[in-house]
Amino acid sequence: MKREDVTDLIVEAKVAKGLKWADIASAIGLSKEWVTAGLLGQMTFTAEQAGIIGKMLDLPADAVTQLQVVPYKGSLPTSVPTDPLIYRFYELINVYGTTFKALIHEEFGDGIMSAIDFSMDIQRQADPKGDRVNVVLSGKFLPYKTY
């Protein structure tokens, strides 16, 4: 069984059982953002976490095993995403990426924001003109070192 097959099983079971990503995350005690990334094939679960997910979604044993394998990260099928929602993030980086870089370097110096020591929070923000999507990304600053 390939990890992509496991993702398909997870999505099918989630829909069939009427679950939300947050329901699964709550069952293993982690954020909905990290768990969703894991369930979609981008993170590695512990044996205990994979077992809970397997029971919750009635996954076969080989699928539970695959949840514990370090995945090949990066899941977009094309270099420029075609899905409209994902494309907007691509567009956001194209427009504001240099601004992010300039402001981070000005504040922190020469380095990068970690996507490993990282957290994300996605919330609905009520607004009378139409609800807004509030995305908060928090990554540890990693300065380039001299040697």
C-alpha atoms as a PDB file:
ATOM      1  CA  MET A   1       0.000   0.000   0.000  1.00  0.00           C
ATOM      2  CA  LYS A   2       1.342   3.447  -0.936  1.00  0.00           C
ATOM      3  CA  ARG A   3       0.924   6.511   1.270  1.00  0.00           C
ATOM      4  CA  GLU A   4      -1.301   8.108  -1.400  1.00  0.00           C
ATOM      5  CA  ASP A   5      -3.647   5.099  -1.066  1.00  0.00           C
ATOM      6  CA  VAL A   6      -3.794   5.673   2.693  1.00  0.00           C
ATOM      7  CA  THR A   7      -4.724   9.313   2.138  1.00  0.00           C
ATOM      8  CA  ASP A   8      -7.562   8.213  -0.147  1.00  0.00           C
ATOM      9  CA  LEU A   9      -8.805   5.752   2.508  1.00  0.00           C
ATOM     10  CA  ILE A  10      -8.640   8.455   5.170  1.00  0.00           C
ATOM     11  CA  VAL A  11     -10.629  10.981   3.136  1.00  0.00           C
ATOM     12  CA  GLU A  12     -13.242   8.350   2.186  1.00  0.00           C
ATOM     13  CA  ALA A  13     -13.646   7.184   5.810  1.00  0.00           C
ATOM     14  CA  LYS A  14     -13.786  10.766   7.127  1.00  0.00           C
ATOM     15  CA  VAL A  15     -16.615  11.599   4.721  1.00  0.00           C
ATOM     16  CA  ALA A  16     -18.466   8.319   5.287  1.00  0.00           C
ATOM     17  CA  LYS A  17     -18.354   8.796   9.070  1.00  0.00           C
ATOM     18  CA  GLY A  18     -19.285  12.507   8.915  1.00  0.00           C
ATOM     19  CA  LEU A  19     -16.130  13.542  10.761  1.00  0.00           C
ATOM     20  CA  LYS A  20     -14.274  16.825  10.647  1.00  0.00           C
ATOM     21  CA  TRP A  21     -10.486  17.085  10.605  1.00  0.00           C
ATOM     22  CA  ALA A  22     -10.778  18.728  14.033  1.00  0.00           C
ATOM     23  CA  ASP A  23     -12.602  15.646  15.391  1.00  0.00           C
ATOM     24  CA  ILE A  24      -9.681  13.417  14.484  1.00  0.00           C
ATOM     25  CA  ALA A  25      -7.176  15.930  15.831  1.00  0.00           C
ATOM     26  CA  SER A  26      -9.057  16.152  19.114  1.00  0.00           C
ATOM     27  CA  ALA A  27      -8.939  12.372  19.487  1.00  0.00           C
ATOM     28  CA  ILE A  28      -5.133  12.407  19.402  1.00  0.00           C
ATOM     29  CA  GLY A  29      -4.714  15.708  21.251  1.00  0.00           C
ATOM     30  CA  LEU A  30      -2.927  17.790  18.609  1.00  0.00           C
ATOM     31  CA  SER A  31      -3.830  20.806  16.481  1.00  0.00           C
ATOM     32  CA  LYS A  32      -6.224  20.380  13.573  1.00  0.00           C
ATOM     33  CA  GLU A  33      -3.640  22.000  11.307  1.00  0.00           C
ATOM     34  CA  TRP A  34      -0.808  19.548  12.053  1.00  0.00           C
ATOM     35  CA  VAL A  35      -3.052  16.490  12.147  1.00  0.00           C
ATOM     36  CA  THR A  36      -4.730  17.412   8.863  1.00  0.00           C
ATOM     37  CA  ALA A  37      -1.296  17.797   7.249  1.00  0.00           C
ATOM     38  CA  GLY A  38      -0.411  14.361   8.599  1.00  0.00           C
ATOM     39  CA  LEU A  39      -3.642  12.759   7.466  1.00  0.00           C
ATOM     40  CA  LEU A  40      -3.042  14.188   3.994  1.00  0.00           C
ATOM     41  CA  GLY A  41       0.389  12.570   3.923  1.00  0.00           C
ATOM     42  CA  GLN A  42       2.779  15.296   5.052  1.00  0.00           C
ATOM     43  CA  MET A  43       3.666  14.295   8.638  1.00  0.00           C
ATOM     44  CA  THR A  44       4.661  11.156  10.564  1.00  0.00           C
ATOM     45  CA  PHE A  45       2.454   9.812  13.343  1.00  0.00           C
ATOM     46  CA  THR A  46       3.651   7.819  16.341  1.00  0.00           C
ATOM     47  CA  ALA A  47       2.432   4.229  16.725  1.00  0.00           C
ATOM     48  CA  GLU A  48      -0.038   5.363  19.391  1.00  0.00           C
ATOM     49  CA  GLN A  49      -1.398   8.209  17.242  1.00  0.00           C
ATOM     50  CA  ALA A  50      -1.625   5.984  14.160  1.00  0.00           C
ATOM     51  CA  GLY A  51      -3.487   3.371  16.205  1.00  0.00           C
ATOM     52  CA  ILE A  52      -6.085   5.888  17.350  1.00  0.00           C
ATOM     53  CA  ILE A  53      -6.552   7.120  13.784  1.00  0.00           C
ATOM     54  CA  GLY A  54      -6.803   3.546  12.509  1.00  0.00           C
ATOM     55  CA  LYS A  55      -9.527   2.642  15.000  1.00  0.00           C
ATOM     56  CA  MET A  56     -11.405   5.880  14.446  1.00  0.00           C
ATOM     57  CA  LEU A  57     -11.410   5.460  10.659  1.00  0.00           C
ATOM     58  CA  ASP A  58     -11.479   1.626  10.488  1.00  0.00           C
ATOM     59  CA  LEU A  59      -8.190   1.559   8.554  1.00  0.00           C
ATOM     60  CA  PRO A  60      -6.446  -1.715   7.700  1.00  0.00           C
ATOM     61  CA  ALA A  61      -3.244  -2.576   9.585  1.00  0.00           C
ATOM     62  CA  ASP A  62      -0.977  -1.763   6.620  1.00  0.00           C
ATOM     63  CA  ALA A  63      -2.521   1.729   6.407  1.00  0.00           C
ATOM     64  CA  VAL A  64      -1.822   2.271  10.123  1.00  0.00           C
ATOM     65  CA  THR A  65       1.780   1.212   9.505  1.00  0.00           C
ATOM     66  CA  GLN A  66       2.098   3.657   6.593  1.00  0.00           C
ATOM     67  CA  LEU A  67       1.012   6.533   8.889  1.00  0.00           C
ATOM     68  CA  GLN A  68       4.223   5.891  10.861  1.00  0.00           C
ATOM     69  CA  VAL A  69       6.564   6.096   7.857  1.00  0.00           C
ATOM     70  CA  VAL A  70       8.391   9.379   7.220  1.00  0.00           C
ATOM     71  CA  PRO A  71       6.650  10.785   4.111  1.00  0.00           C
ATOM     72  CA  TYR A  72       7.999  12.407   0.994  1.00  0.00           C
ATOM     73  CA  LYS A  73       6.942  15.980   1.718  1.00  0.00           C
ATOM     74  CA  GLY A  74       5.400  18.236  -0.888  1.00  0.00           C
ATOM     75  CA  SER A  75       2.099  17.185  -2.350  1.00  0.00           C
ATOM     76  CA  LEU A  76       1.194  19.594  -5.109  1.00  0.00           C
ATOM     77  CA  PRO A  77       0.787  17.904  -8.493  1.00  0.00           C
ATOM     78  CA  THR A  78       2.123  20.894 -10.465  1.00  0.00           C
ATOM     79  CA  SER A  79       4.679  23.628  -9.829  1.00  0.00           C
ATOM     80  CA  VAL A  80       1.999  26.305 -10.228  1.00  0.00           C
ATOM     81  CA  PRO A  81      -1.080  25.088  -8.359  1.00  0.00           C
ATOM     82  CA  THR A  82      -4.333  25.011 -10.291  1.00  0.00           C
ATOM     83  CA  ASP A  83      -6.709  24.630  -7.341  1.00  0.00           C
ATOM     84  CA  PRO A  84      -8.146  28.145  -6.807  1.00  0.00           C
ATOM     85  CA  LEU A  85      -7.681  28.211  -3.025  1.00  0.00           C
ATOM     86  CA  ILE A  86      -4.113  26.908  -3.139  1.00  0.00           C
ATOM     87  CA  TYR A  87      -3.352  29.225  -6.075  1.00  0.00           C
ATOM     88  CA  ARG A  88      -4.304  32.234  -3.909  1.00  0.00           C
ATOM     89  CA  PHE A  89      -1.537  31.299  -1.464  1.00  0.00           C
ATOM     90  CA  TYR A  90       0.867  30.956  -4.400  1.00  0.00           C
ATOM     91  CA  GLU A  91      -0.293  34.389  -5.601  1.00  0.00           C
ATOM     92  CA  LEU A  92       0.097  35.779  -2.081  1.00  0.00           C
ATOM     93  CA  ILE A  93       3.747  34.653  -2.002  1.00  0.00           C
ATOM     94  CA  ASN A  94       4.337  36.021  -5.511  1.00  0.00           C
ATOM     95  CA  VAL A  95       2.993  39.430  -4.504  1.00  0.00           C
ATOM     96  CA  TYR A  96       4.108  39.644  -0.860  1.00  0.00           C
ATOM     97  CA  GLY A  97       7.039  37.209  -0.693  1.00  0.00           C
ATOM     98  CA  THR A  98       9.658  39.917  -1.139  1.00  0.00           C
ATOM     99  CA  THR A  99       7.871  41.989   1.514  1.00  0.00           C
ATOM    100  CA  PHE A 100       7.938  39.069   3.957  1.00  0.00           C
ATOM    101  CA  LYS A 101      11.639  38.599   3.215  1.00  0.00           C
ATOM    102  CA  ALA A 102      12.531  42.288   3.571  1.00  0.00           C
ATOM    103  CA  LEU A 103      10.639  42.736   6.841  1.00  0.00           C
ATOM    104  CA  ILE A 104      11.897  39.484   8.393  1.00  0.00           C
ATOM    105  CA  HIS A 105      15.507  40.338   7.486  1.00  0.00           C
ATOM    106  CA  GLU A 106      15.115  43.861   8.801  1.00  0.00           C
ATOM    107  CA  GLU A 107      13.715  42.597  12.114  1.00  0.00           C
ATOM    108  CA  PHE A 108      15.772  39.415  12.617  1.00  0.00           C
ATOM    109  CA  GLY A 109      18.787  39.603  10.296  1.00  0.00           C
ATOM    110  CA  ASP A 110      19.962  37.159   7.650  1.00  0.00           C
ATOM    111  CA  GLY A 111      18.143  33.856   8.079  1.00  0.00           C
ATOM    112  CA  ILE A 112      14.944  31.967   7.431  1.00  0.00           C
ATOM    113  CA  MET A 113      11.669  31.085   9.114  1.00  0.00           C
ATOM    114  CA  SER A 114      11.585  27.399   9.941  1.00  0.00           C
ATOM    115  CA  ALA A 115       8.855  25.206   8.517  1.00  0.00           C
ATOM    116  CA  ILE A 116      10.028  22.458  10.903  1.00  0.00           C
ATOM    117  CA  ASP A 117       9.893  24.330  14.234  1.00  0.00           C
ATOM    118  CA  PHE A 118       6.573  25.752  13.120  1.00  0.00           C
ATOM    119  CA  SER A 119       2.913  26.098  14.009  1.00  0.00           C
ATOM    120  CA  MET A 120      -0.162  27.258  12.157  1.00  0.00           C
ATOM    121  CA  ASP A 121      -3.618  28.320  13.246  1.00  0.00           C
ATOM    122  CA  ILE A 122      -6.581  28.712  10.886  1.00  0.00           C
ATOM    123  CA  GLN A 123      -9.761  30.270  12.241  1.00  0.00           C
ATOM    124  CA  ARG A 124     -12.988  31.766  10.948  1.00  0.00           C
ATOM    125  CA  GLN A 125     -13.223  35.449  11.799  1.00  0.00           C
ATOM    126  CA  ALA A 126     -16.760  36.819  11.779  1.00  0.00           C
ATOM    127  CA  ASP A 127     -17.195  40.026   9.805  1.00  0.00           C
ATOM    128  CA  PRO A 128     -20.457  41.796   8.881  1.00  0.00           C
ATOM    129  CA  LYS A 129     -19.156  42.270   5.308  1.00  0.00           C
ATOM    130  CA  GLY A 130     -18.444  38.541   4.947  1.00  0.00           C
ATOM    131  CA  ASP A 131     -16.511  36.145   7.155  1.00  0.00           C
ATOM    132  CA  ARG A 132     -12.730  36.224   6.862  1.00  0.00           C
ATOM    133  CA  VAL A 133     -10.106  33.501   6.935  1.00  0.00           C
ATOM    134  CA  ASN A 134      -7.528  34.192   9.642  1.00  0.00           C
ATOM    135  CA  VAL A 135      -4.257  32.305   9.061  1.00  0.00           C
ATOM    136  CA  VAL A 136      -1.420  32.662  11.568  1.00  0.00           C
ATOM    137  CA  LEU A 137       1.957  31.108  10.708  1.00  0.00           C
ATOM    138  CA  SER A 138       4.626  30.941  13.401  1.00  0.00           C
ATOM    139  CA  GLY A 139       8.082  29.624  12.625  1.00  0.00           C
ATOM    140  CA  LYS A 140      11.302  29.765  14.606  1.00  0.00           C
ATOM    141  CA  PHE A 141      13.867  32.168  13.142  1.00  0.00           C
ATOM    142  CA  LEU A 142      17.002  30.336  12.039  1.00  0.00           C
ATOM    143  CA  PRO A 143      19.930  32.690  11.428  1.00  0.00           C
ATOM    144  CA  TYR A 144      22.593  31.763   8.913  1.00  0.00           C
ATOM    145  CA  LYS A 145      25.791  31.062  10.785  1.00  0.00           C
ATOM    146  CA  THR A 146      29.304  31.970   9.845  1.00  0.00           C
ATOM    147  CA  TYR A 147      32.046  29.360   9.887  1.00  0.00           C
END
